[in-house]
C-alpha cells in the first residue's frame, strides 16, 4: 500500500508541475498578446509573406532567365504600343485604303 501512496504522490507532483508550466505558458501568451496588438501581428505576417514572395521571385529568375527575358520584352513592347497608340492608329488609318485596294484586286481577280 505504501508503494501505491508513493506512486500517487509522485504522480500528483508531476501533475502539479505540468499545471504550473501550462499556467506559466498561458500567462506569457496573454502578456505577449497585450504587448503586441493584432495590427502589429498582421504587419509582421505580411512582411514575412512579402519576403517569401521575393525569395521565390529571385529563385524563379535564376532558374528561368529566358522566360524572364521574354516577359520583359513583351511588357516593353506593350508599353511602347500603348504610349504611341494614337500615332499607330493614325498610321493604320492612313494606309488602310491600300489594304482595301489589294483586297478588291484579289477578290475580283484583276490581280
PDB file of N, CA and C in Angstrom:
ATOM      1  N   UNK A   1       0.805  -1.182   0.000  1.00  0.00           N
ATOM      2  CA  UNK A   1       0.000   0.000   0.000  1.00  0.00           C
ATOM      3  C   UNK A   1       0.864   1.268   0.000  1.00  0.00           C
ATOM      4  N   UNK A   2       1.979   1.228   0.697  1.00  0.00           N
ATOM      5  CA  UNK A   2       2.853   2.398   0.748  1.00  0.00           C
ATOM      6  C   UNK A   2       3.459   2.675  -0.630  1.00  0.00           C
ATOM      7  N   UNK A   3       3.688   1.599  -1.391  1.00  0.00           N
ATOM      8  CA  UNK A   3       4.196   1.768  -2.754  1.00  0.00           C
ATOM      9  C   UNK A   3       3.179   2.538  -3.594  1.00  0.00           C
ATOM     10  N   UNK A   4       1.914   2.229  -3.399  1.00  0.00           N
ATOM     11  CA  UNK A   4       0.859   2.910  -4.140  1.00  0.00           C
ATOM     12  C   UNK A   4       0.767   4.382  -3.707  1.00  0.00           C
ATOM     13  N   UNK A   5       0.917   4.654  -2.406  1.00  0.00           N
ATOM     14  CA  UNK A   5       0.883   6.031  -1.920  1.00  0.00           C
ATOM     15  C   UNK A   5       2.077   6.827  -2.458  1.00  0.00           C
ATOM     16  N   UNK A   6       3.231   6.195  -2.508  1.00  0.00           N
ATOM     17  CA  UNK A   6       4.422   6.861  -3.049  1.00  0.00           C
ATOM     18  C   UNK A   6       4.214   7.201  -4.521  1.00  0.00           C
ATOM     19  N   UNK A   7       3.683   6.248  -5.253  1.00  0.00           N
ATOM     20  CA  UNK A   7       3.423   6.450  -6.687  1.00  0.00           C
ATOM     21  C   UNK A   7       2.381   7.547  -6.885  1.00  0.00           C
ATOM     22  N   UNK A   8       1.356   7.553  -6.065  1.00  0.00           N
ATOM     23  CA  UNK A   8       0.316   8.570  -6.146  1.00  0.00           C
ATOM     24  C   UNK A   8       0.902   9.955  -5.842  1.00  0.00           C
ATOM     25  N   UNK A   9       1.767  10.044  -4.862  1.00  0.00           N
ATOM     26  CA  UNK A   9       2.406  11.320  -4.522  1.00  0.00           C
ATOM     27  C   UNK A   9       3.293  11.806  -5.674  1.00  0.00           C
ATOM     28  N   UNK A  10       4.026  10.881  -6.289  1.00  0.00           N
ATOM     29  CA  UNK A  10       4.862  11.251  -7.438  1.00  0.00           C
ATOM     30  C   UNK A  10       4.002  11.737  -8.597  1.00  0.00           C
ATOM     31  N   UNK A  11       2.916  11.021  -8.877  1.00  0.00           N
ATOM     32  CA  UNK A  11       2.012  11.422  -9.957  1.00  0.00           C
ATOM     33  C   UNK A  11       1.390  12.790  -9.676  1.00  0.00           C
ATOM     34  N   UNK A  12       1.025  13.018  -8.417  1.00  0.00           N
ATOM     35  CA  UNK A  12       0.456  14.303  -8.036  1.00  0.00           C
ATOM     36  C   UNK A  12       1.488  15.423  -8.211  1.00  0.00           C
ATOM     37  N   UNK A  13       2.723  15.151  -7.866  1.00  0.00           N
ATOM     38  CA  UNK A  13       3.786  16.148  -8.031  1.00  0.00           C
ATOM     39  C   UNK A  13       4.013  16.443  -9.515  1.00  0.00           C
ATOM     40  N   UNK A  14       4.006  15.416 -10.358  1.00  0.00           N
ATOM     41  CA  UNK A  14       4.158  15.621 -11.807  1.00  0.00           C
ATOM     42  C   UNK A  14       2.989  16.431 -12.369  1.00  0.00           C
ATOM     43  N   UNK A  15       1.775  16.099 -11.915  1.00  0.00           N
ATOM     44  CA  UNK A  15       0.601  16.816 -12.389  1.00  0.00           C
ATOM     45  C   UNK A  15       0.676  18.284 -12.008  1.00  0.00           C
ATOM     46  N   UNK A  16       1.064  18.553 -10.773  1.00  0.00           N
ATOM     47  CA  UNK A  16       1.172  19.942 -10.308  1.00  0.00           C
ATOM     48  C   UNK A  16       2.257  20.706 -11.077  1.00  0.00           C
ATOM     49  N   UNK A  17       3.358  20.039 -11.365  1.00  0.00           N
ATOM     50  CA  UNK A  17       4.428  20.682 -12.143  1.00  0.00           C
ATOM     51  C   UNK A  17       3.946  20.993 -13.555  1.00  0.00           C
ATOM     52  N   UNK A  18       3.219  20.069 -14.172  1.00  0.00           N
ATOM     53  CA  UNK A  18       2.682  20.294 -15.512  1.00  0.00           C
ATOM     54  C   UNK A  18       1.662  21.421 -15.498  1.00  0.00           C
ATOM     55  N   UNK A  19       0.838  21.471 -14.471  1.00  0.00           N
ATOM     56  CA  UNK A  19      -0.167  22.525 -14.348  1.00  0.00           C
ATOM     57  C   UNK A  19       0.504  23.891 -14.214  1.00  0.00           C
ATOM     58  N   UNK A  20       1.573  23.969 -13.451  1.00  0.00           N
ATOM     59  CA  UNK A  20       2.306  25.229 -13.308  1.00  0.00           C
ATOM     60  C   UNK A  20       2.902  25.665 -14.651  1.00  0.00           C
ATOM     61  N   UNK A  21       3.444  24.706 -15.392  1.00  0.00           N
ATOM     62  CA  UNK A  21       4.003  25.036 -16.715  1.00  0.00           C
ATOM     63  C   UNK A  21       2.930  25.575 -17.657  1.00  0.00           C
ATOM     64  N   UNK A  22       1.762  24.946 -17.675  1.00  0.00           N
ATOM     65  CA  UNK A  22       0.678  25.398 -18.548  1.00  0.00           C
ATOM     66  C   UNK A  22       0.223  26.789 -18.144  1.00  0.00           C
ATOM     67  N   UNK A  23       0.074  27.015 -16.833  1.00  0.00           N
ATOM     68  CA  UNK A  23      -0.337  28.345 -16.374  1.00  0.00           C
ATOM     69  C   UNK A  23       0.699  29.400 -16.738  1.00  0.00           C
ATOM     70  N   UNK A  24       1.977  29.060 -16.602  1.00  0.00           N
ATOM     71  CA  UNK A  24       3.039  30.000 -16.951  1.00  0.00           C
ATOM     72  C   UNK A  24       3.016  30.308 -18.450  1.00  0.00           C
ATOM     73  N   UNK A  25       2.824  29.276 -19.284  1.00  0.00           N
ATOM     74  CA  UNK A  25       2.739  29.481 -20.731  1.00  0.00           C
ATOM     75  C   UNK A  25       1.547  30.368 -21.089  1.00  0.00           C
ATOM     76  N   UNK A  26       0.400  30.124 -20.471  1.00  0.00           N
ATOM     77  CA  UNK A  26      -0.774  30.960 -20.731  1.00  0.00           C
ATOM     78  C   UNK A  26      -0.523  32.406 -20.316  1.00  0.00           C
ATOM     79  N   UNK A  27       0.119  32.592 -19.189  1.00  0.00           N
ATOM     80  CA  UNK A  27       0.439  33.943 -18.738  1.00  0.00           C
ATOM     81  C   UNK A  27       1.367  34.644 -19.742  1.00  0.00           C
ATOM     82  N   UNK A  28       2.392  33.936 -20.197  1.00  0.00           N
ATOM     83  CA  UNK A  28       3.321  34.510 -21.178  1.00  0.00           C
ATOM     84  C   UNK A  28       2.605  34.838 -22.479  1.00  0.00           C
ATOM     85  N   UNK A  29       1.724  33.960 -22.908  1.00  0.00           N
ATOM     86  CA  UNK A  29       0.986  34.182 -24.156  1.00  0.00           C
ATOM     87  C   UNK A  29       0.083  35.402 -24.037  1.00  0.00           C
ATOM     88  N   UNK A  30      -0.622  35.509 -22.917  1.00  0.00           N
ATOM     89  CA  UNK A  30      -1.508  36.656 -22.723  1.00  0.00           C
ATOM     90  C   UNK A  30      -0.728  37.957 -22.645  1.00  0.00           C
ATOM     91  N   UNK A  31       0.388  37.960 -21.972  1.00  0.00           N
ATOM     92  CA  UNK A  31       1.177  39.194 -21.883  1.00  0.00           C
ATOM     93  C   UNK A  31       1.770  39.545 -23.242  1.00  0.00           C
ATOM     94  N   UNK A  32       2.107  38.542 -24.046  1.00  0.00           N
ATOM     95  CA  UNK A  32       2.632  38.795 -25.386  1.00  0.00           C
ATOM     96  C   UNK A  32       1.562  39.412 -26.273  1.00  0.00           C
ATOM     97  N   UNK A  33       0.331  38.935 -26.163  1.00  0.00           N
ATOM     98  CA  UNK A  33      -0.764  39.487 -26.951  1.00  0.00           C
ATOM     99  C   UNK A  33      -1.032  40.930 -26.540  1.00  0.00           C
ATOM    100  N   UNK A  34      -0.927  41.213 -25.239  1.00  0.00           N
ATOM    101  CA  UNK A  34      -1.134  42.581 -24.776  1.00  0.00           C
ATOM    102  C   UNK A  34      -0.011  43.498 -25.250  1.00  0.00           C
ATOM    103  N   UNK A  35       1.214  42.980 -25.313  1.00  0.00           N
ATOM    104  CA  UNK A  35       2.349  43.803 -25.747  1.00  0.00           C
ATOM    105  C   UNK A  35       2.255  44.160 -27.229  1.00  0.00           C
ATOM    106  N   UNK A  36       1.962  43.163 -28.050  1.00  0.00           N
ATOM    107  CA  UNK A  36       1.843  43.402 -29.499  1.00  0.00           C
ATOM    108  C   UNK A  36       0.393  43.211 -29.901  1.00  0.00           C
ATOM    109  N   UNK A  37      -0.194  44.225 -30.455  1.00  0.00           N
ATOM    110  CA  UNK A  37      -1.591  44.168 -30.858  1.00  0.00           C
ATOM    111  C   UNK A  37      -1.786  43.365 -32.129  1.00  0.00           C
ATOM    112  N   UNK A  38      -3.039  43.273 -32.524  1.00  0.00           N
ATOM    113  CA  UNK A  38      -3.397  42.499 -33.716  1.00  0.00           C
ATOM    114  C   UNK A  38      -2.794  43.134 -34.964  1.00  0.00           C
ATOM    115  N   UNK A  39      -2.836  44.459 -35.044  1.00  0.00           N
ATOM    116  CA  UNK A  39      -2.299  45.149 -36.225  1.00  0.00           C
ATOM    117  C   UNK A  39      -0.807  44.869 -36.396  1.00  0.00           C
ATOM    118  N   UNK A  40      -0.083  44.865 -35.305  1.00  0.00           N
ATOM    119  CA  UNK A  40       1.356  44.592 -35.381  1.00  0.00           C
ATOM    120  C   UNK A  40       1.603  43.160 -35.837  1.00  0.00           C
ATOM    121  N   UNK A  41       0.790  42.242 -35.346  1.00  0.00           N
ATOM    122  CA  UNK A  41       0.939  40.844 -35.762  1.00  0.00           C
ATOM    123  C   UNK A  41       0.638  40.671 -37.246  1.00  0.00           C
ATOM    124  N   UNK A  42      -0.415  41.360 -37.735  1.00  0.00           N
ATOM    125  CA  UNK A  42      -0.762  41.291 -39.153  1.00  0.00           C
ATOM    126  C   UNK A  42       0.367  41.879 -39.996  1.00  0.00           C
ATOM    127  N   UNK A  43       0.929  42.986 -39.538  1.00  0.00           N
ATOM    128  CA  UNK A  43       2.029  43.615 -40.282  1.00  0.00           C
ATOM    129  C   UNK A  43       3.233  42.683 -40.376  1.00  0.00           C
ATOM    130  N   UNK A  44       3.543  42.005 -39.286  1.00  0.00           N
ATOM    131  CA  UNK A  44       4.674  41.066 -39.294  1.00  0.00           C
ATOM    132  C   UNK A  44       4.400  39.923 -40.258  1.00  0.00           C
ATOM    133  N   UNK A  45       3.172  39.390 -40.243  1.00  0.00           N
ATOM    134  CA  UNK A  45       2.829  38.288 -41.144  1.00  0.00           C
ATOM    135  C   UNK A  45       2.916  38.731 -42.610  1.00  0.00           C
ATOM    136  N   UNK A  46       2.456  39.949 -42.894  1.00  0.00           N
ATOM    137  CA  UNK A  46       2.526  40.450 -44.266  1.00  0.00           C
ATOM    138  C   UNK A  46       3.976  40.645 -44.696  1.00  0.00           C
ATOM    139  N   UNK A  47       4.813  41.131 -43.798  1.00  0.00           N
ATOM    140  CA  UNK A  47       6.224  41.317 -44.118  1.00  0.00           C
ATOM    141  C   UNK A  47       6.888  39.972 -44.400  1.00  0.00           C
ATOM    142  N   UNK A  48       6.589  38.967 -43.580  1.00  0.00           N
ATOM    143  CA  UNK A  48       7.156  37.637 -43.810  1.00  0.00           C
ATOM    144  C   UNK A  48       6.690  37.069 -45.146  1.00  0.00           C
ATOM    145  N   UNK A  49       5.414  37.278 -45.474  1.00  0.00           N
ATOM    146  CA  UNK A  49       4.895  36.803 -46.755  1.00  0.00           C
ATOM    147  C   UNK A  49       5.561  37.495 -47.933  1.00  0.00           C
ATOM    148  N   UNK A  50       5.778  38.801 -47.810  1.00  0.00           N
ATOM    149  CA  UNK A  50       6.433  39.549 -48.886  1.00  0.00           C
ATOM    150  C   UNK A  50       7.877  39.088 -49.065  1.00  0.00           C
ATOM    151  N   UNK A  51       8.548  38.823 -47.964  1.00  0.00           N
ATOM    152  CA  UNK A  51       9.931  38.335 -48.058  1.00  0.00           C
ATOM    153  C   UNK A  51       9.967  36.967 -48.732  1.00  0.00           C
ATOM    154  N   UNK A  52       9.014  36.109 -48.396  1.00  0.00           N
ATOM    155  CA  UNK A  52       8.945  34.794 -49.045  1.00  0.00           C
ATOM    156  C   UNK A  52       8.662  34.918 -50.525  1.00  0.00           C
ATOM    157  N   UNK A  53       7.776  35.836 -50.893  1.00  0.00           N
ATOM    158  CA  UNK A  53       7.454  36.059 -52.302  1.00  0.00           C
ATOM    159  C   UNK A  53       8.671  36.582 -53.058  1.00  0.00           C
ATOM    160  N   UNK A  54       9.423  37.456 -52.424  1.00  0.00           N
ATOM    161  CA  UNK A  54      10.628  37.994 -53.053  1.00  0.00           C
ATOM    162  C   UNK A  54      11.666  36.885 -53.265  1.00  0.00           C
ATOM    163  N   UNK A  55      11.810  36.022 -52.281  1.00  0.00           N
ATOM    164  CA  UNK A  55      12.749  34.908 -52.422  1.00  0.00           C
ATOM    165  C   UNK A  55      12.321  33.974 -53.543  1.00  0.00           C
ATOM    166  N   UNK A  56      11.024  33.703 -53.656  1.00  0.00           N
ATOM    167  CA  UNK A  56      10.528  32.849 -54.738  1.00  0.00           C
ATOM    168  C   UNK A  56      10.766  33.492 -56.096  1.00  0.00           C
ATOM    169  N   UNK A  57      10.571  34.805 -56.171  1.00  0.00           N
ATOM    170  CA  UNK A  57      10.810  35.522 -57.425  1.00  0.00           C
ATOM    171  C   UNK A  57      12.271  35.472 -57.845  1.00  0.00           C
ATOM    172  N   UNK A  58      13.161  35.641 -56.883  1.00  0.00           N
ATOM    173  CA  UNK A  58      14.593  35.561 -57.191  1.00  0.00           C
ATOM    174  C   UNK A  58      14.967  34.162 -57.681  1.00  0.00           C
ATOM    175  N   UNK A  59      14.425  33.162 -57.033  1.00  0.00           N
ATOM    176  CA  UNK A  59      14.721  31.781 -57.427  1.00  0.00           C
ATOM    177  C   UNK A  59      14.190  31.512 -58.836  1.00  0.00           C
ATOM    178  N   UNK A  60      12.977  31.975 -59.155  1.00  0.00           N
ATOM    179  CA  UNK A  60      12.415  31.786 -60.490  1.00  0.00           C
ATOM    180  C   UNK A  60      13.274  32.484 -61.538  1.00  0.00           C
ATOM    181  N   UNK A  61      13.740  33.700 -61.216  1.00  0.00           N
ATOM    182  CA  UNK A  61      14.570  34.446 -62.173  1.00  0.00           C
ATOM    183  C   UNK A  61      15.888  33.725 -62.432  1.00  0.00           C
ATOM    184  N   UNK A  62      16.474  33.113 -61.390  1.00  0.00           N
ATOM    185  CA  UNK A  62      17.722  32.377 -61.576  1.00  0.00           C
ATOM    186  C   UNK A  62      17.507  31.113 -62.403  1.00  0.00           C
ATOM    187  N   UNK A  63      16.378  30.451 -62.206  1.00  0.00           N
ATOM    188  CA  UNK A  63      16.133  29.176 -62.884  1.00  0.00           C
ATOM    189  C   UNK A  63      15.575  29.356 -64.291  1.00  0.00           C
ATOM    190  N   UNK A  64      14.953  30.494 -64.610  1.00  0.00           N
ATOM    191  CA  UNK A  64      14.298  30.688 -65.899  1.00  0.00           C
ATOM    192  C   UNK A  64      14.648  32.042 -66.518  1.00  0.00           C
ATOM    193  N   UNK A  65      15.897  32.273 -66.864  1.00  0.00           N
ATOM    194  CA  UNK A  65      16.253  33.596 -67.400  1.00  0.00           C
ATOM    195  C   UNK A  65      15.619  33.878 -68.761  1.00  0.00           C
ATOM    196  N   UNK A  66      15.426  32.849 -69.598  1.00  0.00           N
ATOM    197  CA  UNK A  66      14.850  33.096 -70.920  1.00  0.00           C
ATOM    198  C   UNK A  66      13.380  33.495 -70.809  1.00  0.00           C
ATOM    199  N   UNK A  67      12.636  32.855 -69.931  1.00  0.00           N
ATOM    200  CA  UNK A  67      11.233  33.231 -69.750  1.00  0.00           C
ATOM    201  C   UNK A  67      11.122  34.633 -69.168  1.00  0.00           C
ATOM    202  N   UNK A  68      12.022  34.977 -68.286  1.00  0.00           N
ATOM    203  CA  UNK A  68      12.029  36.315 -67.708  1.00  0.00           C
ATOM    204  C   UNK A  68      12.333  37.355 -68.787  1.00  0.00           C
ATOM    205  N   UNK A  69      13.302  37.068 -69.640  1.00  0.00           N
ATOM    206  CA  UNK A  69      13.640  37.990 -70.730  1.00  0.00           C
ATOM    207  C   UNK A  69      12.486  38.155 -71.705  1.00  0.00           C
ATOM    208  N   UNK A  70      11.805  37.047 -72.041  1.00  0.00           N
ATOM    209  CA  UNK A  70      10.665  37.130 -72.953  1.00  0.00           C
ATOM    210  C   UNK A  70       9.542  37.947 -72.328  1.00  0.00           C
ATOM    211  N   UNK A  71       9.318  37.781 -71.044  1.00  0.00           N
ATOM    212  CA  UNK A  71       8.279  38.556 -70.363  1.00  0.00           C
ATOM    213  C   UNK A  71       8.606  40.037 -70.337  1.00  0.00           C
ATOM    214  N   UNK A  72       9.866  40.364 -70.119  1.00  0.00           N
ATOM    215  CA  UNK A  72      10.278  41.770 -70.104  1.00  0.00           C
ATOM    216  C   UNK A  72      10.133  42.374 -71.497  1.00  0.00           C
ATOM    217  N   UNK A  73      10.534  41.632 -72.526  1.00  0.00           N
ATOM    218  CA  UNK A  73      10.407  42.134 -73.900  1.00  0.00           C
ATOM    219  C   UNK A  73       8.942  42.348 -74.264  1.00  0.00           C
ATOM    220  N   UNK A  74       8.075  41.408 -73.901  1.00  0.00           N
ATOM    221  CA  UNK A  74       6.654  41.557 -74.187  1.00  0.00           C
ATOM    222  C   UNK A  74       6.084  42.764 -73.455  1.00  0.00           C
ATOM    223  N   UNK A  75       6.446  42.918 -72.200  1.00  0.00           N
ATOM    224  CA  UNK A  75       5.959  44.064 -71.433  1.00  0.00           C
ATOM    225  C   UNK A  75       6.438  45.378 -72.014  1.00  0.00           C
ATOM    226  N   UNK A  76       7.708  45.427 -72.430  1.00  0.00           N
ATOM    227  CA  UNK A  76       8.247  46.658 -73.018  1.00  0.00           C
ATOM    228  C   UNK A  76       7.544  46.989 -74.330  1.00  0.00           C
ATOM    229  N   UNK A  77       7.296  45.978 -75.162  1.00  0.00           N
ATOM    230  CA  UNK A  77       6.617  46.237 -76.435  1.00  0.00           C
ATOM    231  C   UNK A  77       5.172  46.677 -76.206  1.00  0.00           C
ATOM    232  N   UNK A  78       4.504  46.109 -75.222  1.00  0.00           N
ATOM    233  CA  UNK A  78       3.145  46.551 -74.911  1.00  0.00           C
ATOM    234  C   UNK A  78       3.139  47.989 -74.390  1.00  0.00           C
ATOM    235  N   UNK A  79       4.120  48.339 -73.595  1.00  0.00           N
ATOM    236  CA  UNK A  79       4.215  49.701 -73.080  1.00  0.00           C
ATOM    237  C   UNK A  79       4.450  50.694 -74.216  1.00  0.00           C
ATOM    238  N   UNK A  80       5.347  50.366 -75.134  1.00  0.00           N
ATOM    239  CA  UNK A  80       5.625  51.250 -76.270  1.00  0.00           C
ATOM    240  C   UNK A  80       4.380  51.374 -77.142  1.00  0.00           C
ATOM    241  N   UNK A  81       3.694  50.250 -77.387  1.00  0.00           N
ATOM    242  CA  UNK A  81       2.464  50.290 -78.179  1.00  0.00           C
ATOM    243  C   UNK A  81       1.397  51.148 -77.529  1.00  0.00           C
ATOM    244  N   UNK A  82       1.281  51.074 -76.223  1.00  0.00           N
ATOM    245  CA  UNK A  82       0.281  51.871 -75.530  1.00  0.00           C
ATOM    246  C   UNK A  82       0.658  53.353 -75.536  1.00  0.00           C
ATOM    247  N   UNK A  83       1.945  53.642 -75.346  1.00  0.00           N
ATOM    248  CA  UNK A  83       2.380  55.040 -75.335  1.00  0.00           C
ATOM    249  C   UNK A  83       2.166  55.707 -76.692  1.00  0.00           C
ATOM    250  N   UNK A  84       2.356  54.963 -77.781  1.00  0.00           N
ATOM    251  CA  UNK A  84       2.226  55.520 -79.128  1.00  0.00           C
ATOM    252  C   UNK A  84       0.941  55.049 -79.810  1.00  0.00           C
ATOM    253  N   UNK A  85      -0.094  54.760 -79.044  1.00  0.00           N
ATOM    254  CA  UNK A  85      -1.331  54.221 -79.603  1.00  0.00           C
ATOM    255  C   UNK A  85      -2.014  55.191 -80.557  1.00  0.00           C
ATOM    256  N   UNK A  86      -1.989  56.479 -80.266  1.00  0.00           N
ATOM    257  CA  UNK A  86      -2.626  57.455 -81.150  1.00  0.00           C
ATOM    258  C   UNK A  86      -1.894  57.530 -82.492  1.00  0.00           C
ATOM    259  N   UNK A  87      -0.579  57.595 -82.470  1.00  0.00           N
ATOM    260  CA  UNK A  87       0.193  57.674 -83.708  1.00  0.00           C
ATOM    261  C   UNK A  87       0.028  56.393 -84.526  1.00  0.00           C
ATOM    262  N   UNK A  88      -0.001  55.249 -83.850  1.00  0.00           N
ATOM    263  CA  UNK A  88      -0.171  53.983 -84.561  1.00  0.00           C
ATOM    264  C   UNK A  88      -1.547  53.893 -85.209  1.00  0.00           C
ATOM    265  N   UNK A  89      -2.585  54.340 -84.524  1.00  0.00           N
ATOM    266  CA  UNK A  89      -3.919  54.282 -85.125  1.00  0.00           C
ATOM    267  C   UNK A  89      -4.023  55.226 -86.317  1.00  0.00           C
ATOM    268  N   UNK A  90      -3.404  56.411 -86.255  1.00  0.00           N
ATOM    269  CA  UNK A  90      -3.401  57.325 -87.405  1.00  0.00           C
ATOM    270  C   UNK A  90      -2.663  56.703 -88.582  1.00  0.00           C
ATOM    271  N   UNK A  91      -1.553  56.053 -88.325  1.00  0.00           N
ATOM    272  CA  UNK A  91      -0.787  55.400 -89.385  1.00  0.00           C
ATOM    273  C   UNK A  91      -1.605  54.294 -90.041  1.00  0.00           C
ATOM    274  N   UNK A  92      -2.288  53.519 -89.244  1.00  0.00           N
ATOM    275  CA  UNK A  92      -3.115  52.437 -89.788  1.00  0.00           C
ATOM    276  C   UNK A  92      -4.271  53.012 -90.595  1.00  0.00           C
ATOM    277  N   UNK A  93      -4.895  54.077 -90.135  1.00  0.00           N
ATOM    278  CA  UNK A  93      -5.998  54.699 -90.881  1.00  0.00           C
ATOM    279  C   UNK A  93      -5.514  55.248 -92.219  1.00  0.00           C
ATOM    280  N   UNK A  94      -4.349  55.888 -92.244  1.00  0.00           N
ATOM    281  CA  UNK A  94      -3.829  56.470 -93.487  1.00  0.00           C
ATOM    282  C   UNK A  94      -3.542  55.411 -94.541  1.00  0.00           C
ATOM    283  N   UNK A  95      -3.070  54.249 -94.094  1.00  0.00           N
ATOM    284  CA  UNK A  95      -2.675  53.220 -95.058  1.00  0.00           C
ATOM    285  C   UNK A  95      -3.738  52.138 -95.230  1.00  0.00           C
ATOM    286  N   UNK A  96      -4.882  52.319 -94.641  1.00  0.00           N
ATOM    287  CA  UNK A  96      -5.927  51.295 -94.718  1.00  0.00           C
ATOM    288  C   UNK A  96      -6.489  51.181 -96.142  1.00  0.00           C
ATOM    289  N   UNK A  97      -6.544  52.286 -96.897  1.00  0.00           N
ATOM    290  CA  UNK A  97      -7.101  52.228 -98.254  1.00  0.00           C
ATOM    291  C   UNK A  97      -6.245  51.337 -99.159  1.00  0.00           C
ATOM    292  N   UNK A  98      -4.935  51.255 -98.910  1.00  0.00           N
ATOM    293  CA  UNK A  98      -4.086  50.352 -99.690  1.00  0.00           C
ATOM    294  C   UNK A  98      -4.487  48.896 -99.440  1.00  0.00           C
ATOM    295  N   UNK A  99      -4.800  48.576 -98.230  1.00  0.00           N
ATOM    296  CA  UNK A  99      -5.234  47.220 -97.892  1.00  0.00           C
ATOM    297  C   UNK A  99      -6.569  46.925 -98.558  1.00  0.00           C
ATOM    298  N   UNK A 100      -7.469  47.899 -98.578  1.00  0.00           N
ATOM    299  CA  UNK A 100      -8.770  47.703 -99.225  1.00  0.00           C
ATOM    300  C   UNK A 100      -8.609  47.496-100.730  1.00  0.00           C
ATOM    301  N   UNK A 101      -7.714  48.280-101.369  1.00  0.00           N
ATOM    302  CA  UNK A 101      -7.475  48.127-102.804  1.00  0.00           C
ATOM    303  C   UNK A 101      -6.919  46.741-103.120  1.00  0.00           C
ATOM    304  N   UNK A 102      -5.961  46.285-102.336  1.00  0.00           N
ATOM    305  CA  UNK A 102      -5.392  44.961-102.553  1.00  0.00           C
ATOM    306  C   UNK A 102      -6.446  43.877-102.359  1.00  0.00           C
ATOM    307  N   UNK A 103      -7.285  44.040-101.397  1.00  0.00           N
ATOM    308  CA  UNK A 103      -8.343  43.061-101.139  1.00  0.00           C
ATOM    309  C   UNK A 103      -9.308  43.012-102.313  1.00  0.00           C
ATOM    310  N   UNK A 104      -9.671  44.172-102.880  1.00  0.00           N
ATOM    311  CA  UNK A 104     -10.566  44.215-104.024  1.00  0.00           C
ATOM    312  C   UNK A 104      -9.941  43.551-105.238  1.00  0.00           C
ATOM    313  N   UNK A 105      -8.647  43.805-105.469  1.00  0.00           N
ATOM    314  CA  UNK A 105      -7.961  43.183-106.610  1.00  0.00           C
ATOM    315  C   UNK A 105      -7.934  41.669-106.478  1.00  0.00           C
ATOM    316  N   UNK A 106      -7.635  41.187-105.270  1.00  0.00           N
ATOM    317  CA  UNK A 106      -7.544  39.743-105.064  1.00  0.00           C
ATOM    318  C   UNK A 106      -8.915  39.093-105.218  1.00  0.00           C
ATOM    319  N   UNK A 107      -9.940  39.697-104.679  1.00  0.00           N
ATOM    320  CA  UNK A 107     -11.278  39.080-104.742  1.00  0.00           C
ATOM    321  C   UNK A 107     -11.915  39.216-106.112  1.00  0.00           C
ATOM    322  N   UNK A 108     -11.596  40.287-106.887  1.00  0.00           N
ATOM    323  CA  UNK A 108     -12.211  40.436-108.201  1.00  0.00           C
ATOM    324  C   UNK A 108     -11.462  39.675-109.279  1.00  0.00           C
ATOM    325  N   UNK A 109     -10.240  39.318-109.040  1.00  0.00           N
ATOM    326  CA  UNK A 109      -9.468  38.541-109.989  1.00  0.00           C
ATOM    327  C   UNK A 109      -8.725  39.381-110.995  1.00  0.00           C
ATOM    328  N   UNK A 110      -8.578  40.673-110.767  1.00  0.00           N
ATOM    329  CA  UNK A 110      -7.872  41.566-111.680  1.00  0.00           C
ATOM    330  C   UNK A 110      -6.368  41.541-111.463  1.00  0.00           C
ATOM    331  N   UNK A 111      -5.945  40.915-110.387  1.00  0.00           N
ATOM    332  CA  UNK A 111      -4.590  40.969-109.920  1.00  0.00           C
ATOM    333  C   UNK A 111      -3.589  40.455-110.798  1.00  0.00           C
TER     334      UNK A 111
END
